[in-house]
């Protein structure tokens, strides 16, 4: 069984709490925001269709009218979402591997 280097454990714990935790939370927040944006962009045509269906079927007062640029704009957003998807997937995989390596590095420093 490996012995614990208590000084390294103390130092790594406080370093991670003081400096690393904020950066990790910020990066994870940016990644979640990116995925929410991509999902919304890809589903834009479906949301427009549901809006059109509700307005025409139930004679809802909102919106006053569906404007001419709604359809091309939703298709452009869908194309942007589909084109950004592979880059976001690569970034997610890269960051997951980076965090795994960081944890392994910390464990190597703690155990002798």
PDB file of N, CA and C in Angstrom:
ATOM      1  N   UNK A   1       0.838  -1.178   0.000  1.00  0.00           N
ATOM      2  CA  UNK A   1       0.000   0.000   0.000  1.00  0.00           C
ATOM      3  C   UNK A   1       0.882   1.240   0.000  1.00  0.00           C
ATOM      4  N   UNK A   2       0.466   2.225  -0.769  1.00  0.00           N
ATOM      5  CA  UNK A   2       1.262   3.439  -0.908  1.00  0.00           C
ATOM      6  C   UNK A   2       1.068   4.344   0.297  1.00  0.00           C
ATOM      7  N   UNK A   3       2.139   5.056   0.641  1.00  0.00           N
ATOM      8  CA  UNK A   3       2.056   6.005   1.739  1.00  0.00           C
ATOM      9  C   UNK A   3       1.638   7.372   1.209  1.00  0.00           C
ATOM     10  N   UNK A   4       0.942   8.100   2.061  1.00  0.00           N
ATOM     11  CA  UNK A   4       0.475   9.426   1.695  1.00  0.00           C
ATOM     12  C   UNK A   4       1.520  10.453   2.125  1.00  0.00           C
ATOM     13  N   UNK A   5       1.885  11.325   1.211  1.00  0.00           N
ATOM     14  CA  UNK A   5       2.754  12.454   1.529  1.00  0.00           C
ATOM     15  C   UNK A   5       1.840  13.570   2.035  1.00  0.00           C
ATOM     16  N   UNK A   6       1.792  13.743   3.359  1.00  0.00           N
ATOM     17  CA  UNK A   6       0.829  14.651   3.970  1.00  0.00           C
ATOM     18  C   UNK A   6       1.079  16.108   3.612  1.00  0.00           C
ATOM     19  N   UNK A   7       2.339  16.483   3.468  1.00  0.00           N
ATOM     20  CA  UNK A   7       2.636  17.871   3.099  1.00  0.00           C
ATOM     21  C   UNK A   7       2.168  18.160   1.667  1.00  0.00           C
ATOM     22  N   UNK A   8       2.386  17.209   0.779  1.00  0.00           N
ATOM     23  CA  UNK A   8       1.921  17.384  -0.597  1.00  0.00           C
ATOM     24  C   UNK A   8       0.390  17.420  -0.640  1.00  0.00           C
ATOM     25  N   UNK A   9      -0.246  16.570   0.152  1.00  0.00           N
ATOM     26  CA  UNK A   9      -1.712  16.564   0.203  1.00  0.00           C
ATOM     27  C   UNK A   9      -2.235  17.909   0.681  1.00  0.00           C
ATOM     28  N   UNK A  10      -1.639  18.454   1.729  1.00  0.00           N
ATOM     29  CA  UNK A  10      -2.047  19.753   2.254  1.00  0.00           C
ATOM     30  C   UNK A  10      -1.844  20.856   1.211  1.00  0.00           C
ATOM     31  N   UNK A  11      -0.684  20.861   0.573  1.00  0.00           N
ATOM     32  CA  UNK A  11      -0.382  21.890  -0.422  1.00  0.00           C
ATOM     33  C   UNK A  11      -1.265  21.799  -1.650  1.00  0.00           C
ATOM     34  N   UNK A  12      -1.456  20.606  -2.158  1.00  0.00           N
ATOM     35  CA  UNK A  12      -2.285  20.424  -3.354  1.00  0.00           C
ATOM     36  C   UNK A  12      -3.742  20.753  -3.057  1.00  0.00           C
ATOM     37  N   UNK A  13      -4.214  20.379  -1.872  1.00  0.00           N
ATOM     38  CA  UNK A  13      -5.598  20.682  -1.511  1.00  0.00           C
ATOM     39  C   UNK A  13      -5.834  22.188  -1.512  1.00  0.00           C
ATOM     40  N   UNK A  14      -4.991  22.940  -0.846  1.00  0.00           N
ATOM     41  CA  UNK A  14      -5.206  24.385  -0.761  1.00  0.00           C
ATOM     42  C   UNK A  14      -4.956  25.082  -2.090  1.00  0.00           C
ATOM     43  N   UNK A  15      -3.993  24.606  -2.850  1.00  0.00           N
ATOM     44  CA  UNK A  15      -3.777  25.188  -4.171  1.00  0.00           C
ATOM     45  C   UNK A  15      -5.005  24.987  -5.052  1.00  0.00           C
ATOM     46  N   UNK A  16      -5.562  23.776  -5.036  1.00  0.00           N
ATOM     47  CA  UNK A  16      -6.743  23.493  -5.856  1.00  0.00           C
ATOM     48  C   UNK A  16      -7.962  24.275  -5.376  1.00  0.00           C
ATOM     49  N   UNK A  17      -8.116  24.422  -4.065  1.00  0.00           N
ATOM     50  CA  UNK A  17      -9.259  25.175  -3.545  1.00  0.00           C
ATOM     51  C   UNK A  17      -9.138  26.657  -3.897  1.00  0.00           C
ATOM     52  N   UNK A  18      -7.949  27.220  -3.729  1.00  0.00           N
ATOM     53  CA  UNK A  18      -7.789  28.659  -3.906  1.00  0.00           C
ATOM     54  C   UNK A  18      -7.690  29.089  -5.365  1.00  0.00           C
ATOM     55  N   UNK A  19      -6.993  28.326  -6.179  1.00  0.00           N
ATOM     56  CA  UNK A  19      -6.710  28.783  -7.537  1.00  0.00           C
ATOM     57  C   UNK A  19      -7.434  27.988  -8.624  1.00  0.00           C
ATOM     58  N   UNK A  20      -7.452  26.702  -8.505  1.00  0.00           N
ATOM     59  CA  UNK A  20      -7.938  25.862  -9.595  1.00  0.00           C
ATOM     60  C   UNK A  20      -9.455  25.744  -9.636  1.00  0.00           C
ATOM     61  N   UNK A  21     -10.100  25.762  -8.483  1.00  0.00           N
ATOM     62  CA  UNK A  21     -11.548  25.532  -8.438  1.00  0.00           C
ATOM     63  C   UNK A  21     -12.316  26.585  -9.234  1.00  0.00           C
ATOM     64  N   UNK A  22     -11.941  27.839  -9.108  1.00  0.00           N
ATOM     65  CA  UNK A  22     -12.634  28.893  -9.849  1.00  0.00           C
ATOM     66  C   UNK A  22     -12.488  28.737 -11.347  1.00  0.00           C
ATOM     67  N   UNK A  23     -11.287  28.394 -11.788  1.00  0.00           N
ATOM     68  CA  UNK A  23     -11.056  28.209 -13.226  1.00  0.00           C
ATOM     69  C   UNK A  23     -11.825  27.007 -13.755  1.00  0.00           C
ATOM     70  N   UNK A  24     -11.870  25.935 -12.986  1.00  0.00           N
ATOM     71  CA  UNK A  24     -12.589  24.735 -13.424  1.00  0.00           C
ATOM     72  C   UNK A  24     -14.082  25.021 -13.527  1.00  0.00           C
ATOM     73  N   UNK A  25     -14.633  25.709 -12.550  1.00  0.00           N
ATOM     74  CA  UNK A  25     -16.068  26.042 -12.586  1.00  0.00           C
ATOM     75  C   UNK A  25     -16.366  26.961 -13.772  1.00  0.00           C
ATOM     76  N   UNK A  26     -15.478  27.921 -14.039  1.00  0.00           N
ATOM     77  CA  UNK A  26     -15.689  28.825 -15.175  1.00  0.00           C
ATOM     78  C   UNK A  26     -15.644  28.073 -16.499  1.00  0.00           C
ATOM     79  N   UNK A  27     -14.687  27.168 -16.656  1.00  0.00           N
ATOM     80  CA  UNK A  27     -14.567  26.405 -17.909  1.00  0.00           C
ATOM     81  C   UNK A  27     -15.780  25.499 -18.092  1.00  0.00           C
ATOM     82  N   UNK A  28     -16.217  24.849 -17.029  1.00  0.00           N
ATOM     83  CA  UNK A  28     -17.394  23.977 -17.136  1.00  0.00           C
ATOM     84  C   UNK A  28     -18.637  24.809 -17.456  1.00  0.00           C
ATOM     85  N   UNK A  29     -18.754  25.993 -16.869  1.00  0.00           N
ATOM     86  CA  UNK A  29     -19.880  26.873 -17.181  1.00  0.00           C
ATOM     87  C   UNK A  29     -19.888  27.312 -18.634  1.00  0.00           C
ATOM     88  N   UNK A  30     -18.710  27.650 -19.157  1.00  0.00           N
ATOM     89  CA  UNK A  30     -18.623  28.020 -20.578  1.00  0.00           C
ATOM     90  C   UNK A  30     -18.986  26.847 -21.479  1.00  0.00           C
ATOM     91  N   UNK A  31     -18.548  25.653 -21.105  1.00  0.00           N
ATOM     92  CA  UNK A  31     -18.853  24.471 -21.908  1.00  0.00           C
ATOM     93  C   UNK A  31     -20.355  24.163 -21.893  1.00  0.00           C
ATOM     94  N   UNK A  32     -20.983  24.273 -20.744  1.00  0.00           N
ATOM     95  CA  UNK A  32     -22.428  24.032 -20.662  1.00  0.00           C
ATOM     96  C   UNK A  32     -23.185  25.090 -21.474  1.00  0.00           C
ATOM     97  N   UNK A  33     -22.750  26.347 -21.373  1.00  0.00           N
ATOM     98  CA  UNK A  33     -23.378  27.406 -22.167  1.00  0.00           C
ATOM     99  C   UNK A  33     -23.226  27.178 -23.655  1.00  0.00           C
ATOM    100  N   UNK A  34     -22.054  26.688 -24.059  1.00  0.00           N
ATOM    101  CA  UNK A  34     -21.828  26.387 -25.474  1.00  0.00           C
ATOM    102  C   UNK A  34     -22.766  25.290 -25.956  1.00  0.00           C
ATOM    103  N   UNK A  35     -22.926  24.232 -25.171  1.00  0.00           N
ATOM    104  CA  UNK A  35     -23.798  23.133 -25.587  1.00  0.00           C
ATOM    105  C   UNK A  35     -25.270  23.543 -25.597  1.00  0.00           C
ATOM    106  N   UNK A  36     -25.679  24.382 -24.657  1.00  0.00           N
ATOM    107  CA  UNK A  36     -27.064  24.872 -24.656  1.00  0.00           C
ATOM    108  C   UNK A  36     -27.317  25.731 -25.892  1.00  0.00           C
ATOM    109  N   UNK A  37     -26.345  26.580 -26.238  1.00  0.00           N
ATOM    110  CA  UNK A  37     -26.479  27.425 -27.424  1.00  0.00           C
ATOM    111  C   UNK A  37     -26.553  26.580 -28.691  1.00  0.00           C
ATOM    112  N   UNK A  38     -25.699  25.586 -28.808  1.00  0.00           N
ATOM    113  CA  UNK A  38     -25.707  24.717 -29.990  1.00  0.00           C
ATOM    114  C   UNK A  38     -27.038  23.983 -30.108  1.00  0.00           C
ATOM    115  N   UNK A  39     -27.532  23.454 -29.004  1.00  0.00           N
ATOM    116  CA  UNK A  39     -28.805  22.738 -29.026  1.00  0.00           C
ATOM    117  C   UNK A  39     -29.952  23.663 -29.432  1.00  0.00           C
ATOM    118  N   UNK A  40     -29.932  24.881 -28.937  1.00  0.00           N
ATOM    119  CA  UNK A  40     -30.976  25.836 -29.297  1.00  0.00           C
ATOM    120  C   UNK A  40     -30.886  26.228 -30.763  1.00  0.00           C
ATOM    121  N   UNK A  41     -29.669  26.453 -31.248  1.00  0.00           N
ATOM    122  CA  UNK A  41     -29.507  26.793 -32.663  1.00  0.00           C
ATOM    123  C   UNK A  41     -30.007  25.668 -33.559  1.00  0.00           C
ATOM    124  N   UNK A  42     -29.674  24.431 -33.228  1.00  0.00           N
ATOM    125  CA  UNK A  42     -30.080  23.312 -34.079  1.00  0.00           C
ATOM    126  C   UNK A  42     -31.605  23.132 -34.046  1.00  0.00           C
ATOM    127  N   UNK A  43     -32.213  23.404 -32.907  1.00  0.00           N
ATOM    128  CA  UNK A  43     -33.658  23.218 -32.815  1.00  0.00           C
ATOM    129  C   UNK A  43     -34.451  24.452 -33.245  1.00  0.00           C
ATOM    130  N   UNK A  44     -33.807  25.478 -33.763  1.00  0.00           N
ATOM    131  CA  UNK A  44     -34.507  26.714 -34.168  1.00  0.00           C
ATOM    132  C   UNK A  44     -35.595  26.472 -35.218  1.00  0.00           C
ATOM    133  N   UNK A  45     -35.357  25.696 -36.277  1.00  0.00           N
ATOM    134  CA  UNK A  45     -36.450  25.463 -37.235  1.00  0.00           C
ATOM    135  C   UNK A  45     -37.638  24.724 -36.610  1.00  0.00           C
ATOM    136  N   UNK A  46     -37.353  23.774 -35.721  1.00  0.00           N
ATOM    137  CA  UNK A  46     -38.433  23.055 -35.059  1.00  0.00           C
ATOM    138  C   UNK A  46     -39.241  24.003 -34.169  1.00  0.00           C
ATOM    139  N   UNK A  47     -38.556  24.878 -33.448  1.00  0.00           N
ATOM    140  CA  UNK A  47     -39.253  25.852 -32.600  1.00  0.00           C
ATOM    141  C   UNK A  47     -40.085  26.821 -33.433  1.00  0.00           C
ATOM    142  N   UNK A  48     -39.565  27.228 -34.579  1.00  0.00           N
ATOM    143  CA  UNK A  48     -40.328  28.113 -35.470  1.00  0.00           C
ATOM    144  C   UNK A  48     -41.572  27.409 -35.995  1.00  0.00           C
ATOM    145  N   UNK A  49     -41.433  26.131 -36.343  1.00  0.00           N
ATOM    146  CA  UNK A  49     -42.581  25.363 -36.828  1.00  0.00           C
ATOM    147  C   UNK A  49     -43.637  25.226 -35.736  1.00  0.00           C
ATOM    148  N   UNK A  50     -43.204  24.965 -34.506  1.00  0.00           N
ATOM    149  CA  UNK A  50     -44.162  24.856 -33.396  1.00  0.00           C
ATOM    150  C   UNK A  50     -44.851  26.194 -33.159  1.00  0.00           C
ATOM    151  N   UNK A  51     -44.094  27.286 -33.257  1.00  0.00           N
ATOM    152  CA  UNK A  51     -44.697  28.610 -33.103  1.00  0.00           C
ATOM    153  C   UNK A  51     -45.732  28.867 -34.198  1.00  0.00           C
ATOM    154  N   UNK A  52     -45.394  28.540 -35.424  1.00  0.00           N
ATOM    155  CA  UNK A  52     -46.320  28.737 -36.540  1.00  0.00           C
ATOM    156  C   UNK A  52     -47.572  27.883 -36.340  1.00  0.00           C
ATOM    157  N   UNK A  53     -47.390  26.650 -35.897  1.00  0.00           N
ATOM    158  CA  UNK A  53     -48.516  25.751 -35.666  1.00  0.00           C
ATOM    159  C   UNK A  53     -49.436  26.304 -34.592  1.00  0.00           C
ATOM    160  N   UNK A  54     -48.877  26.806 -33.504  1.00  0.00           N
ATOM    161  CA  UNK A  54     -49.701  27.356 -32.430  1.00  0.00           C
ATOM    162  C   UNK A  54     -50.452  28.605 -32.869  1.00  0.00           C
ATOM    163  N   UNK A  55     -49.786  29.456 -33.637  1.00  0.00           N
ATOM    164  CA  UNK A  55     -50.429  30.697 -34.083  1.00  0.00           C
ATOM    165  C   UNK A  55     -51.565  30.399 -35.054  1.00  0.00           C
ATOM    166  N   UNK A  56     -51.340  29.489 -35.985  1.00  0.00           N
ATOM    167  CA  UNK A  56     -52.381  29.216 -36.986  1.00  0.00           C
ATOM    168  C   UNK A  56     -53.480  28.311 -36.448  1.00  0.00           C
ATOM    169  N   UNK A  57     -53.146  27.331 -35.650  1.00  0.00           N
ATOM    170  CA  UNK A  57     -54.157  26.374 -35.206  1.00  0.00           C
ATOM    171  C   UNK A  57     -55.050  26.940 -34.108  1.00  0.00           C
ATOM    172  N   UNK A  58     -54.459  27.677 -33.185  1.00  0.00           N
ATOM    173  CA  UNK A  58     -55.229  28.152 -32.042  1.00  0.00           C
ATOM    174  C   UNK A  58     -55.548  29.642 -32.101  1.00  0.00           C
ATOM    175  N   UNK A  59     -55.184  30.283 -33.182  1.00  0.00           N
ATOM    176  CA  UNK A  59     -55.443  31.710 -33.391  1.00  0.00           C
ATOM    177  C   UNK A  59     -54.949  32.547 -32.212  1.00  0.00           C
ATOM    178  N   UNK A  60     -53.731  32.254 -31.807  1.00  0.00           N
ATOM    179  CA  UNK A  60     -53.142  32.983 -30.690  1.00  0.00           C
ATOM    180  C   UNK A  60     -52.732  34.387 -31.130  1.00  0.00           C
ATOM    181  N   UNK A  61     -52.839  35.357 -30.230  1.00  0.00           N
ATOM    182  CA  UNK A  61     -52.514  36.733 -30.608  1.00  0.00           C
ATOM    183  C   UNK A  61     -51.021  37.008 -30.710  1.00  0.00           C
ATOM    184  N   UNK A  62     -50.181  36.137 -30.220  1.00  0.00           N
ATOM    185  CA  UNK A  62     -48.742  36.361 -30.282  1.00  0.00           C
ATOM    186  C   UNK A  62     -48.112  35.418 -31.266  1.00  0.00           C
ATOM    187  N   UNK A  63     -47.139  35.709 -31.971  1.00  0.00           N
ATOM    188  CA  UNK A  63     -46.751  37.074 -32.311  1.00  0.00           C
ATOM    189  C   UNK A  63     -47.771  37.649 -33.290  1.00  0.00           C
ATOM    190  N   UNK A  64     -47.734  38.941 -33.476  1.00  0.00           N
ATOM    191  CA  UNK A  64     -48.714  39.591 -34.354  1.00  0.00           C
ATOM    192  C   UNK A  64     -48.640  39.001 -35.759  1.00  0.00           C
ATOM    193  N   UNK A  65     -47.430  38.756 -36.229  1.00  0.00           N
ATOM    194  CA  UNK A  65     -47.260  38.101 -37.526  1.00  0.00           C
ATOM    195  C   UNK A  65     -45.892  37.441 -37.557  1.00  0.00           C
ATOM    196  N   UNK A  66     -45.813  36.381 -38.289  1.00  0.00           N
ATOM    197  CA  UNK A  66     -44.519  35.743 -38.506  1.00  0.00           C
ATOM    198  C   UNK A  66     -43.859  36.476 -39.666  1.00  0.00           C
ATOM    199  N   UNK A  67     -42.726  37.071 -39.403  1.00  0.00           N
ATOM    200  CA  UNK A  67     -42.083  37.906 -40.413  1.00  0.00           C
ATOM    201  C   UNK A  67     -41.353  37.059 -41.443  1.00  0.00           C
ATOM    202  N   UNK A  68     -40.991  37.698 -42.548  1.00  0.00           N
ATOM    203  CA  UNK A  68     -40.405  36.985 -43.684  1.00  0.00           C
ATOM    204  C   UNK A  68     -39.004  36.474 -43.391  1.00  0.00           C
ATOM    205  N   UNK A  69     -38.314  37.067 -42.453  1.00  0.00           N
ATOM    206  CA  UNK A  69     -36.929  36.653 -42.215  1.00  0.00           C
ATOM    207  C   UNK A  69     -36.809  35.567 -41.137  1.00  0.00           C
ATOM    208  N   UNK A  70     -37.907  35.124 -40.556  1.00  0.00           N
ATOM    209  CA  UNK A  70     -37.848  34.102 -39.516  1.00  0.00           C
ATOM    210  C   UNK A  70     -37.337  32.763 -40.041  1.00  0.00           C
ATOM    211  N   UNK A  71     -37.831  32.342 -41.188  1.00  0.00           N
ATOM    212  CA  UNK A  71     -37.436  31.038 -41.732  1.00  0.00           C
ATOM    213  C   UNK A  71     -35.969  31.009 -42.153  1.00  0.00           C
ATOM    214  N   UNK A  72     -35.472  31.961 -42.962  1.00  0.00           N
ATOM    215  CA  UNK A  72     -34.049  31.898 -43.314  1.00  0.00           C
ATOM    216  C   UNK A  72     -33.137  32.051 -42.100  1.00  0.00           C
ATOM    217  N   UNK A  73     -33.541  32.888 -41.156  1.00  0.00           N
ATOM    218  CA  UNK A  73     -32.719  33.080 -39.969  1.00  0.00           C
ATOM    219  C   UNK A  73     -32.653  31.806 -39.131  1.00  0.00           C
ATOM    220  N   UNK A  74     -33.763  31.102 -39.010  1.00  0.00           N
ATOM    221  CA  UNK A  74     -33.743  29.854 -38.243  1.00  0.00           C
ATOM    222  C   UNK A  74     -32.911  28.795 -38.958  1.00  0.00           C
ATOM    223  N   UNK A  75     -32.944  28.783 -40.288  1.00  0.00           N
ATOM    224  CA  UNK A  75     -32.111  27.826 -41.030  1.00  0.00           C
ATOM    225  C   UNK A  75     -30.626  28.178 -40.916  1.00  0.00           C
ATOM    226  N   UNK A  76     -30.312  29.465 -40.896  1.00  0.00           N
ATOM    227  CA  UNK A  76     -28.914  29.884 -40.702  1.00  0.00           C
ATOM    228  C   UNK A  76     -28.435  29.471 -39.315  1.00  0.00           C
ATOM    229  N   UNK A  77     -29.274  29.687 -38.288  1.00  0.00           N
ATOM    230  CA  UNK A  77     -28.901  29.265 -36.936  1.00  0.00           C
ATOM    231  C   UNK A  77     -28.710  27.756 -36.861  1.00  0.00           C
ATOM    232  N   UNK A  78     -29.574  27.009 -37.549  1.00  0.00           N
ATOM    233  CA  UNK A  78     -29.440  25.558 -37.565  1.00  0.00           C
ATOM    234  C   UNK A  78     -28.114  25.148 -38.210  1.00  0.00           C
ATOM    235  N   UNK A  79     -27.769  25.786 -39.318  1.00  0.00           N
ATOM    236  CA  UNK A  79     -26.492  25.493 -39.966  1.00  0.00           C
ATOM    237  C   UNK A  79     -25.299  25.847 -39.095  1.00  0.00           C
ATOM    238  N   UNK A  80     -25.387  26.975 -38.385  1.00  0.00           N
ATOM    239  CA  UNK A  80     -24.308  27.344 -37.462  1.00  0.00           C
ATOM    240  C   UNK A  80     -24.167  26.323 -36.344  1.00  0.00           C
ATOM    241  N   UNK A  81     -25.287  25.895 -35.796  1.00  0.00           N
ATOM    242  CA  UNK A  81     -25.237  24.902 -34.723  1.00  0.00           C
ATOM    243  C   UNK A  81     -24.639  23.591 -35.181  1.00  0.00           C
ATOM    244  N   UNK A  82     -25.023  23.159 -36.382  1.00  0.00           N
ATOM    245  CA  UNK A  82     -24.482  21.906 -36.906  1.00  0.00           C
ATOM    246  C   UNK A  82     -22.994  22.041 -37.213  1.00  0.00           C
ATOM    247  N   UNK A  83     -22.566  23.217 -37.690  1.00  0.00           N
ATOM    248  CA  UNK A  83     -21.147  23.387 -38.018  1.00  0.00           C
ATOM    249  C   UNK A  83     -20.279  23.564 -36.769  1.00  0.00           C
ATOM    250  N   UNK A  84     -20.844  24.060 -35.679  1.00  0.00           N
ATOM    251  CA  UNK A  84     -20.068  24.234 -34.450  1.00  0.00           C
ATOM    252  C   UNK A  84     -20.013  22.945 -33.630  1.00  0.00           C
ATOM    253  N   UNK A  85     -20.941  22.034 -33.854  1.00  0.00           N
ATOM    254  CA  UNK A  85     -21.040  20.789 -33.088  1.00  0.00           C
ATOM    255  C   UNK A  85     -19.715  20.022 -33.020  1.00  0.00           C
ATOM    256  N   UNK A  86     -19.016  19.734 -34.135  1.00  0.00           N
ATOM    257  CA  UNK A  86     -17.763  18.958 -34.030  1.00  0.00           C
ATOM    258  C   UNK A  86     -16.684  19.677 -33.222  1.00  0.00           C
ATOM    259  N   UNK A  87     -16.606  20.990 -33.349  1.00  0.00           N
ATOM    260  CA  UNK A  87     -15.600  21.732 -32.580  1.00  0.00           C
ATOM    261  C   UNK A  87     -15.912  21.677 -31.089  1.00  0.00           C
ATOM    262  N   UNK A  88     -17.178  21.784 -30.734  1.00  0.00           N
ATOM    263  CA  UNK A  88     -17.556  21.707 -29.323  1.00  0.00           C
ATOM    264  C   UNK A  88     -17.315  20.302 -28.774  1.00  0.00           C
ATOM    265  N   UNK A  89     -17.568  19.293 -29.591  1.00  0.00           N
ATOM    266  CA  UNK A  89     -17.315  17.917 -29.150  1.00  0.00           C
ATOM    267  C   UNK A  89     -15.827  17.706 -28.917  1.00  0.00           C
ATOM    268  N   UNK A  90     -14.991  18.196 -29.826  1.00  0.00           N
ATOM    269  CA  UNK A  90     -13.536  18.066 -29.650  1.00  0.00           C
ATOM    270  C   UNK A  90     -13.062  18.825 -28.420  1.00  0.00           C
ATOM    271  N   UNK A  91     -13.611  20.006 -28.191  1.00  0.00           N
ATOM    272  CA  UNK A  91     -13.225  20.789 -27.013  1.00  0.00           C
ATOM    273  C   UNK A  91     -13.641  20.074 -25.729  1.00  0.00           C
ATOM    274  N   UNK A  92     -14.818  19.463 -25.736  1.00  0.00           N
ATOM    275  CA  UNK A  92     -15.287  18.742 -24.558  1.00  0.00           C
ATOM    276  C   UNK A  92     -14.404  17.539 -24.268  1.00  0.00           C
ATOM    277  N   UNK A  93     -14.067  16.777 -25.298  1.00  0.00           N
ATOM    278  CA  UNK A  93     -13.206  15.610 -25.108  1.00  0.00           C
ATOM    279  C   UNK A  93     -11.817  16.046 -24.637  1.00  0.00           C
ATOM    280  N   UNK A  94     -11.274  17.111 -25.231  1.00  0.00           N
ATOM    281  CA  UNK A  94      -9.955  17.600 -24.840  1.00  0.00           C
ATOM    282  C   UNK A  94      -9.937  18.047 -23.384  1.00  0.00           C
ATOM    283  N   UNK A  95     -10.952  18.805 -22.974  1.00  0.00           N
ATOM    284  CA  UNK A  95     -10.993  19.280 -21.595  1.00  0.00           C
ATOM    285  C   UNK A  95     -11.215  18.137 -20.609  1.00  0.00           C
ATOM    286  N   UNK A  96     -12.015  17.149 -20.968  1.00  0.00           N
ATOM    287  CA  UNK A  96     -12.210  15.991 -20.094  1.00  0.00           C
ATOM    288  C   UNK A  96     -10.890  15.241 -19.909  1.00  0.00           C
ATOM    289  N   UNK A  97     -10.147  15.035 -20.996  1.00  0.00           N
ATOM    290  CA  UNK A  97      -8.844  14.363 -20.887  1.00  0.00           C
ATOM    291  C   UNK A  97      -7.857  15.199 -20.081  1.00  0.00           C
ATOM    292  N   UNK A  98      -7.887  16.528 -20.254  1.00  0.00           N
ATOM    293  CA  UNK A  98      -6.998  17.397 -19.501  1.00  0.00           C
ATOM    294  C   UNK A  98      -7.286  17.306 -18.006  1.00  0.00           C
ATOM    295  N   UNK A  99      -8.559  17.317 -17.626  1.00  0.00           N
ATOM    296  CA  UNK A  99      -8.902  17.237 -16.207  1.00  0.00           C
ATOM    297  C   UNK A  99      -8.540  15.873 -15.626  1.00  0.00           C
ATOM    298  N   UNK A 100      -8.687  14.803 -16.410  1.00  0.00           N
ATOM    299  CA  UNK A 100      -8.279  13.473 -15.938  1.00  0.00           C
ATOM    300  C   UNK A 100      -6.775  13.434 -15.688  1.00  0.00           C
ATOM    301  N   UNK A 101      -6.002  14.003 -16.618  1.00  0.00           N
ATOM    302  CA  UNK A 101      -4.548  14.036 -16.446  1.00  0.00           C
ATOM    303  C   UNK A 101      -4.151  14.890 -15.248  1.00  0.00           C
ATOM    304  N   UNK A 102      -4.868  15.974 -15.013  1.00  0.00           N
ATOM    305  CA  UNK A 102      -4.576  16.846 -13.866  1.00  0.00           C
ATOM    306  C   UNK A 102      -4.824  16.111 -12.551  1.00  0.00           C
ATOM    307  N   UNK A 103      -5.906  15.350 -12.489  1.00  0.00           N
ATOM    308  CA  UNK A 103      -6.199  14.578 -11.283  1.00  0.00           C
ATOM    309  C   UNK A 103      -5.140  13.501 -11.085  1.00  0.00           C
ATOM    310  N   UNK A 104      -4.749  12.813 -12.160  1.00  0.00           N
ATOM    311  CA  UNK A 104      -3.690  11.797 -12.046  1.00  0.00           C
ATOM    312  C   UNK A 104      -2.375  12.412 -11.571  1.00  0.00           C
ATOM    313  N   UNK A 105      -2.036  13.589 -12.069  1.00  0.00           N
ATOM    314  CA  UNK A 105      -0.823  14.285 -11.657  1.00  0.00           C
ATOM    315  C   UNK A 105      -0.879  14.613 -10.165  1.00  0.00           C
ATOM    316  N   UNK A 106      -2.029  15.062  -9.694  1.00  0.00           N
ATOM    317  CA  UNK A 106      -2.179  15.354  -8.274  1.00  0.00           C
ATOM    318  C   UNK A 106      -2.055  14.093  -7.435  1.00  0.00           C
ATOM    319  N   UNK A 107      -2.625  12.995  -7.903  1.00  0.00           N
ATOM    320  CA  UNK A 107      -2.527  11.746  -7.156  1.00  0.00           C
ATOM    321  C   UNK A 107      -1.091  11.239  -7.104  1.00  0.00           C
ATOM    322  N   UNK A 108      -0.336  11.403  -8.191  1.00  0.00           N
ATOM    323  CA  UNK A 108       1.077  11.003  -8.187  1.00  0.00           C
ATOM    324  C   UNK A 108       1.875  11.819  -7.194  1.00  0.00           C
ATOM    325  N   UNK A 109       1.526  13.096  -7.046  1.00  0.00           N
ATOM    326  CA  UNK A 109       2.256  13.951  -6.110  1.00  0.00           C
ATOM    327  C   UNK A 109       1.917  13.603  -4.657  1.00  0.00           C
ATOM    328  N   UNK A 110       0.722  13.112  -4.423  1.00  0.00           N
ATOM    329  CA  UNK A 110       0.308  12.817  -3.043  1.00  0.00           C
ATOM    330  C   UNK A 110       0.860  11.481  -2.566  1.00  0.00           C
ATOM    331  N   UNK A 111       0.801  10.456  -3.407  1.00  0.00           N
ATOM    332  CA  UNK A 111       1.251   9.108  -3.001  1.00  0.00           C
ATOM    333  C   UNK A 111       2.722   8.923  -3.359  1.00  0.00           C
ATOM    334  N   UNK A 112       3.431   8.296  -2.446  1.00  0.00           N
ATOM    335  CA  UNK A 112       4.852   8.025  -2.681  1.00  0.00           C
ATOM    336  C   UNK A 112       5.025   6.700  -3.380  1.00  0.00           C
TER     337      UNK A 112
END
